[in-house]
Amino acid sequence: MSVTDLPAVNATLNSLCTLLLLAGWWFIRHERKGQHIICMVSALTVSALFLTSYLIYHYHVGSVRFTYEHAFIRPLYFCILITHVILAAAIVPLVVITVIPALRARFDRHKKWARITLPLWLYVSVTGVIVYLMLYIWFPSAQLAG
């Protein structure tokens, strides 16, 4: 595996995180707390692996420009990217604020924060995959071919 494989790895990790978050939500809605905990700890682990891989990739490659010039696609890409980046920065402290009460068995506070954190974390995970698809698969830059 080379550093150029990491964007696909990152998209896979984001996809897996999305599935784990949805499963964790489903389990807690059906009062299956053990499975909920397993899914959410797994989502945290997958997200940590993603962040590590993402930082390694961008350390070696830098940023990749989106060069597709279509009048509709380019603004759509940047709208998705900007909201993704802003919420990705916000999600780390939100996850911490959500997990700490659960670890302290303060489930009322955990539930309150989870109602905010879960949809934002899902958005970040899903848009991470969309950004990957737009940048590397659907509209790849000439920079990537070299």
C-alpha atoms as a PDB file:
ATOM      1  CA  MET A   1       0.000   0.000   0.000  1.00  0.00           C
ATOM      2  CA  SER A   2       1.237   3.482  -0.826  1.00  0.00           C
ATOM      3  CA  VAL A   3       0.227   6.936   0.317  1.00  0.00           C
ATOM      4  CA  THR A   4      -1.864   7.325  -2.851  1.00  0.00           C
ATOM      5  CA  ASP A   5      -4.140   4.538  -1.583  1.00  0.00           C
ATOM      6  CA  LEU A   6      -5.043   6.464   1.563  1.00  0.00           C
ATOM      7  CA  PRO A   7      -7.953   8.512   0.139  1.00  0.00           C
ATOM      8  CA  ALA A   8      -9.784   5.262  -0.668  1.00  0.00           C
ATOM      9  CA  VAL A   9      -8.907   3.920   2.793  1.00  0.00           C
ATOM     10  CA  ASN A  10     -10.245   7.138   4.322  1.00  0.00           C
ATOM     11  CA  ALA A  11     -13.511   6.900   2.380  1.00  0.00           C
ATOM     12  CA  THR A  12     -13.866   3.294   3.487  1.00  0.00           C
ATOM     13  CA  LEU A  13     -13.283   4.265   7.120  1.00  0.00           C
ATOM     14  CA  ASN A  14     -15.846   7.072   6.817  1.00  0.00           C
ATOM     15  CA  SER A  15     -18.362   4.643   5.303  1.00  0.00           C
ATOM     16  CA  LEU A  16     -17.743   2.152   8.083  1.00  0.00           C
ATOM     17  CA  CYS A  17     -18.127   4.903  10.683  1.00  0.00           C
ATOM     18  CA  THR A  18     -21.486   5.862   9.146  1.00  0.00           C
ATOM     19  CA  LEU A  19     -22.705   2.269   9.370  1.00  0.00           C
ATOM     20  CA  LEU A  20     -21.496   1.922  12.959  1.00  0.00           C
ATOM     21  CA  LEU A  21     -23.190   5.174  14.002  1.00  0.00           C
ATOM     22  CA  LEU A  22     -26.465   4.127  12.404  1.00  0.00           C
ATOM     23  CA  ALA A  23     -26.261   0.678  13.998  1.00  0.00           C
ATOM     24  CA  GLY A  24     -25.429   2.220  17.371  1.00  0.00           C
ATOM     25  CA  TRP A  25     -28.411   4.549  17.087  1.00  0.00           C
ATOM     26  CA  TRP A  26     -30.666   1.639  16.111  1.00  0.00           C
ATOM     27  CA  PHE A  27     -29.434  -0.449  19.042  1.00  0.00           C
ATOM     28  CA  ILE A  28     -30.028   2.268  21.633  1.00  0.00           C
ATOM     29  CA  ARG A  29     -33.488   2.975  20.194  1.00  0.00           C
ATOM     30  CA  HIS A  30     -34.242  -0.719  20.784  1.00  0.00           C
ATOM     31  CA  GLU A  31     -32.704  -0.664  24.299  1.00  0.00           C
ATOM     32  CA  ARG A  32     -29.803  -2.914  23.364  1.00  0.00           C
ATOM     33  CA  LYS A  33     -27.187  -1.028  25.361  1.00  0.00           C
ATOM     34  CA  GLY A  34     -24.356  -3.549  25.040  1.00  0.00           C
ATOM     35  CA  GLN A  35     -24.497  -3.530  21.250  1.00  0.00           C
ATOM     36  CA  HIS A  36     -24.862   0.271  21.299  1.00  0.00           C
ATOM     37  CA  ILE A  37     -21.651   0.607  23.301  1.00  0.00           C
ATOM     38  CA  ILE A  38     -19.778  -1.766  20.973  1.00  0.00           C
ATOM     39  CA  CYS A  39     -20.900   0.187  17.895  1.00  0.00           C
ATOM     40  CA  MET A  40     -20.082   3.576  19.355  1.00  0.00           C
ATOM     41  CA  VAL A  41     -16.642   2.545  20.653  1.00  0.00           C
ATOM     42  CA  SER A  42     -16.003   1.029  17.222  1.00  0.00           C
ATOM     43  CA  ALA A  43     -17.118   4.276  15.533  1.00  0.00           C
ATOM     44  CA  LEU A  44     -14.694   6.208  17.750  1.00  0.00           C
ATOM     45  CA  THR A  45     -11.886   3.787  16.885  1.00  0.00           C
ATOM     46  CA  VAL A  46     -12.613   3.931  13.151  1.00  0.00           C
ATOM     47  CA  SER A  47     -12.739   7.731  13.323  1.00  0.00           C
ATOM     48  CA  ALA A  48      -9.370   7.825  15.084  1.00  0.00           C
ATOM     49  CA  LEU A  49      -7.897   5.555  12.392  1.00  0.00           C
ATOM     50  CA  PHE A  50      -9.418   7.824   9.737  1.00  0.00           C
ATOM     51  CA  LEU A  51      -7.916  10.948  11.301  1.00  0.00           C
ATOM     52  CA  THR A  52      -4.489   9.303  11.480  1.00  0.00           C
ATOM     53  CA  SER A  53      -4.662   8.175   7.851  1.00  0.00           C
ATOM     54  CA  TYR A  54      -5.994  11.563   6.722  1.00  0.00           C
ATOM     55  CA  LEU A  55      -3.144  13.437   8.424  1.00  0.00           C
ATOM     56  CA  ILE A  56      -0.515  11.065   7.012  1.00  0.00           C
ATOM     57  CA  TYR A  57      -1.911  11.493   3.497  1.00  0.00           C
ATOM     58  CA  HIS A  58      -2.062  15.285   3.634  1.00  0.00           C
ATOM     59  CA  TYR A  59       1.385  15.485   5.233  1.00  0.00           C
ATOM     60  CA  HIS A  60       2.821  13.683   2.195  1.00  0.00           C
ATOM     61  CA  VAL A  61       0.579  15.033  -0.578  1.00  0.00           C
ATOM     62  CA  GLY A  62      -0.676  18.386   0.652  1.00  0.00           C
ATOM     63  CA  SER A  63      -4.021  19.582  -0.626  1.00  0.00           C
ATOM     64  CA  VAL A  64      -5.568  18.384  -3.868  1.00  0.00           C
ATOM     65  CA  ARG A  65      -7.275  21.034  -5.977  1.00  0.00           C
ATOM     66  CA  PHE A  66     -10.762  20.483  -7.345  1.00  0.00           C
ATOM     67  CA  THR A  67     -10.330  21.508 -10.970  1.00  0.00           C
ATOM     68  CA  TYR A  68     -13.638  20.494 -12.539  1.00  0.00           C
ATOM     69  CA  GLU A  69     -15.170  23.675 -13.949  1.00  0.00           C
ATOM     70  CA  HIS A  70     -18.850  22.790 -14.458  1.00  0.00           C
ATOM     71  CA  ALA A  71     -21.076  25.722 -13.417  1.00  0.00           C
ATOM     72  CA  PHE A  72     -23.197  23.575 -11.093  1.00  0.00           C
ATOM     73  CA  ILE A  73     -20.752  20.926  -9.846  1.00  0.00           C
ATOM     74  CA  ARG A  74     -17.933  23.209  -8.683  1.00  0.00           C
ATOM     75  CA  PRO A  75     -20.070  25.340  -6.310  1.00  0.00           C
ATOM     76  CA  LEU A  76     -21.812  22.180  -5.064  1.00  0.00           C
ATOM     77  CA  TYR A  77     -18.435  20.592  -4.294  1.00  0.00           C
ATOM     78  CA  PHE A  78     -17.250  23.638  -2.363  1.00  0.00           C
ATOM     79  CA  CYS A  79     -20.530  23.913  -0.460  1.00  0.00           C
ATOM     80  CA  ILE A  80     -20.201  20.285   0.633  1.00  0.00           C
ATOM     81  CA  LEU A  81     -16.481  20.681   1.381  1.00  0.00           C
ATOM     82  CA  ILE A  82     -16.834  23.864   3.447  1.00  0.00           C
ATOM     83  CA  THR A  83     -19.673  22.506   5.587  1.00  0.00           C
ATOM     84  CA  HIS A  84     -17.799  19.219   5.957  1.00  0.00           C
ATOM     85  CA  VAL A  85     -14.584  20.913   7.127  1.00  0.00           C
ATOM     86  CA  ILE A  86     -16.338  23.236   9.593  1.00  0.00           C
ATOM     87  CA  LEU A  87     -18.384  20.433  11.112  1.00  0.00           C
ATOM     88  CA  ALA A  88     -15.402  18.036  11.111  1.00  0.00           C
ATOM     89  CA  ALA A  89     -13.534  20.534  13.292  1.00  0.00           C
ATOM     90  CA  ALA A  90     -16.560  20.854  15.583  1.00  0.00           C
ATOM     91  CA  ILE A  91     -17.266  17.139  15.841  1.00  0.00           C
ATOM     92  CA  VAL A  92     -14.186  16.263  17.891  1.00  0.00           C
ATOM     93  CA  PRO A  93     -15.131  18.368  20.931  1.00  0.00           C
ATOM     94  CA  LEU A  94     -18.789  17.398  20.489  1.00  0.00           C
ATOM     95  CA  VAL A  95     -17.897  13.704  20.609  1.00  0.00           C
ATOM     96  CA  VAL A  96     -15.842  14.292  23.751  1.00  0.00           C
ATOM     97  CA  ILE A  97     -18.705  16.246  25.347  1.00  0.00           C
ATOM     98  CA  THR A  98     -21.055  13.393  24.445  1.00  0.00           C
ATOM     99  CA  VAL A  99     -18.858  10.488  25.556  1.00  0.00           C
ATOM    100  CA  ILE A 100     -17.697  11.824  28.933  1.00  0.00           C
ATOM    101  CA  PRO A 101     -21.185  11.823  30.508  1.00  0.00           C
ATOM    102  CA  ALA A 102     -21.738   8.262  29.253  1.00  0.00           C
ATOM    103  CA  LEU A 103     -18.490   7.167  30.909  1.00  0.00           C
ATOM    104  CA  ARG A 104     -19.698   8.802  34.132  1.00  0.00           C
ATOM    105  CA  ALA A 105     -23.122   7.120  33.845  1.00  0.00           C
ATOM    106  CA  ARG A 106     -24.788  10.534  33.360  1.00  0.00           C
ATOM    107  CA  PHE A 107     -27.058   9.196  30.654  1.00  0.00           C
ATOM    108  CA  ASP A 108     -29.428  12.174  30.767  1.00  0.00           C
ATOM    109  CA  ARG A 109     -26.578  14.489  29.712  1.00  0.00           C
ATOM    110  CA  HIS A 110     -25.206  11.893  27.278  1.00  0.00           C
ATOM    111  CA  LYS A 111     -28.586  11.615  25.566  1.00  0.00           C
ATOM    112  CA  LYS A 112     -28.954  15.413  25.384  1.00  0.00           C
ATOM    113  CA  TRP A 113     -25.580  15.834  23.668  1.00  0.00           C
ATOM    114  CA  ALA A 114     -25.979  12.723  21.500  1.00  0.00           C
ATOM    115  CA  ARG A 115     -29.067  14.256  19.893  1.00  0.00           C
ATOM    116  CA  ILE A 116     -26.827  17.059  18.628  1.00  0.00           C
ATOM    117  CA  THR A 117     -23.652  15.063  17.993  1.00  0.00           C
ATOM    118  CA  LEU A 118     -25.075  12.072  16.124  1.00  0.00           C
ATOM    119  CA  PRO A 119     -26.607  13.915  13.143  1.00  0.00           C
ATOM    120  CA  LEU A 120     -23.530  16.127  12.804  1.00  0.00           C
ATOM    121  CA  TRP A 121     -21.153  13.146  13.028  1.00  0.00           C
ATOM    122  CA  LEU A 122     -23.236  11.332  10.413  1.00  0.00           C
ATOM    123  CA  TYR A 123     -23.125  14.403   8.171  1.00  0.00           C
ATOM    124  CA  VAL A 124     -19.337  14.611   8.484  1.00  0.00           C
ATOM    125  CA  SER A 125     -18.916  10.898   7.743  1.00  0.00           C
ATOM    126  CA  VAL A 126     -21.240  10.902   4.725  1.00  0.00           C
ATOM    127  CA  THR A 127     -19.910  14.140   3.244  1.00  0.00           C
ATOM    128  CA  GLY A 128     -16.362  12.829   3.690  1.00  0.00           C
ATOM    129  CA  VAL A 129     -17.241  10.000   1.327  1.00  0.00           C
ATOM    130  CA  ILE A 130     -18.967  12.406  -1.088  1.00  0.00           C
ATOM    131  CA  VAL A 131     -15.913  14.694  -1.139  1.00  0.00           C
ATOM    132  CA  TYR A 132     -13.721  11.660  -1.881  1.00  0.00           C
ATOM    133  CA  LEU A 133     -15.991  10.532  -4.719  1.00  0.00           C
ATOM    134  CA  MET A 134     -16.149  14.004  -6.247  1.00  0.00           C
ATOM    135  CA  LEU A 135     -12.420  14.706  -5.931  1.00  0.00           C
ATOM    136  CA  TYR A 136     -10.913  11.321  -6.775  1.00  0.00           C
ATOM    137  CA  ILE A 137     -13.507   9.275  -8.683  1.00  0.00           C
ATOM    138  CA  TRP A 138     -16.159  11.349 -10.459  1.00  0.00           C
ATOM    139  CA  PHE A 139     -14.151  14.502 -11.330  1.00  0.00           C
ATOM    140  CA  PRO A 140     -10.464  13.688 -10.747  1.00  0.00           C
ATOM    141  CA  SER A 141      -7.905  16.430 -11.150  1.00  0.00           C
ATOM    142  CA  ALA A 142      -5.103  16.205 -13.688  1.00  0.00           C
ATOM    143  CA  GLN A 143      -2.841  16.625 -10.639  1.00  0.00           C
ATOM    144  CA  LEU A 144      -3.843  13.108  -9.551  1.00  0.00           C
ATOM    145  CA  ALA A 145      -2.924  11.504 -12.867  1.00  0.00           C
ATOM    146  CA  GLY A 146       0.720  12.558 -12.542  1.00  0.00           C
END
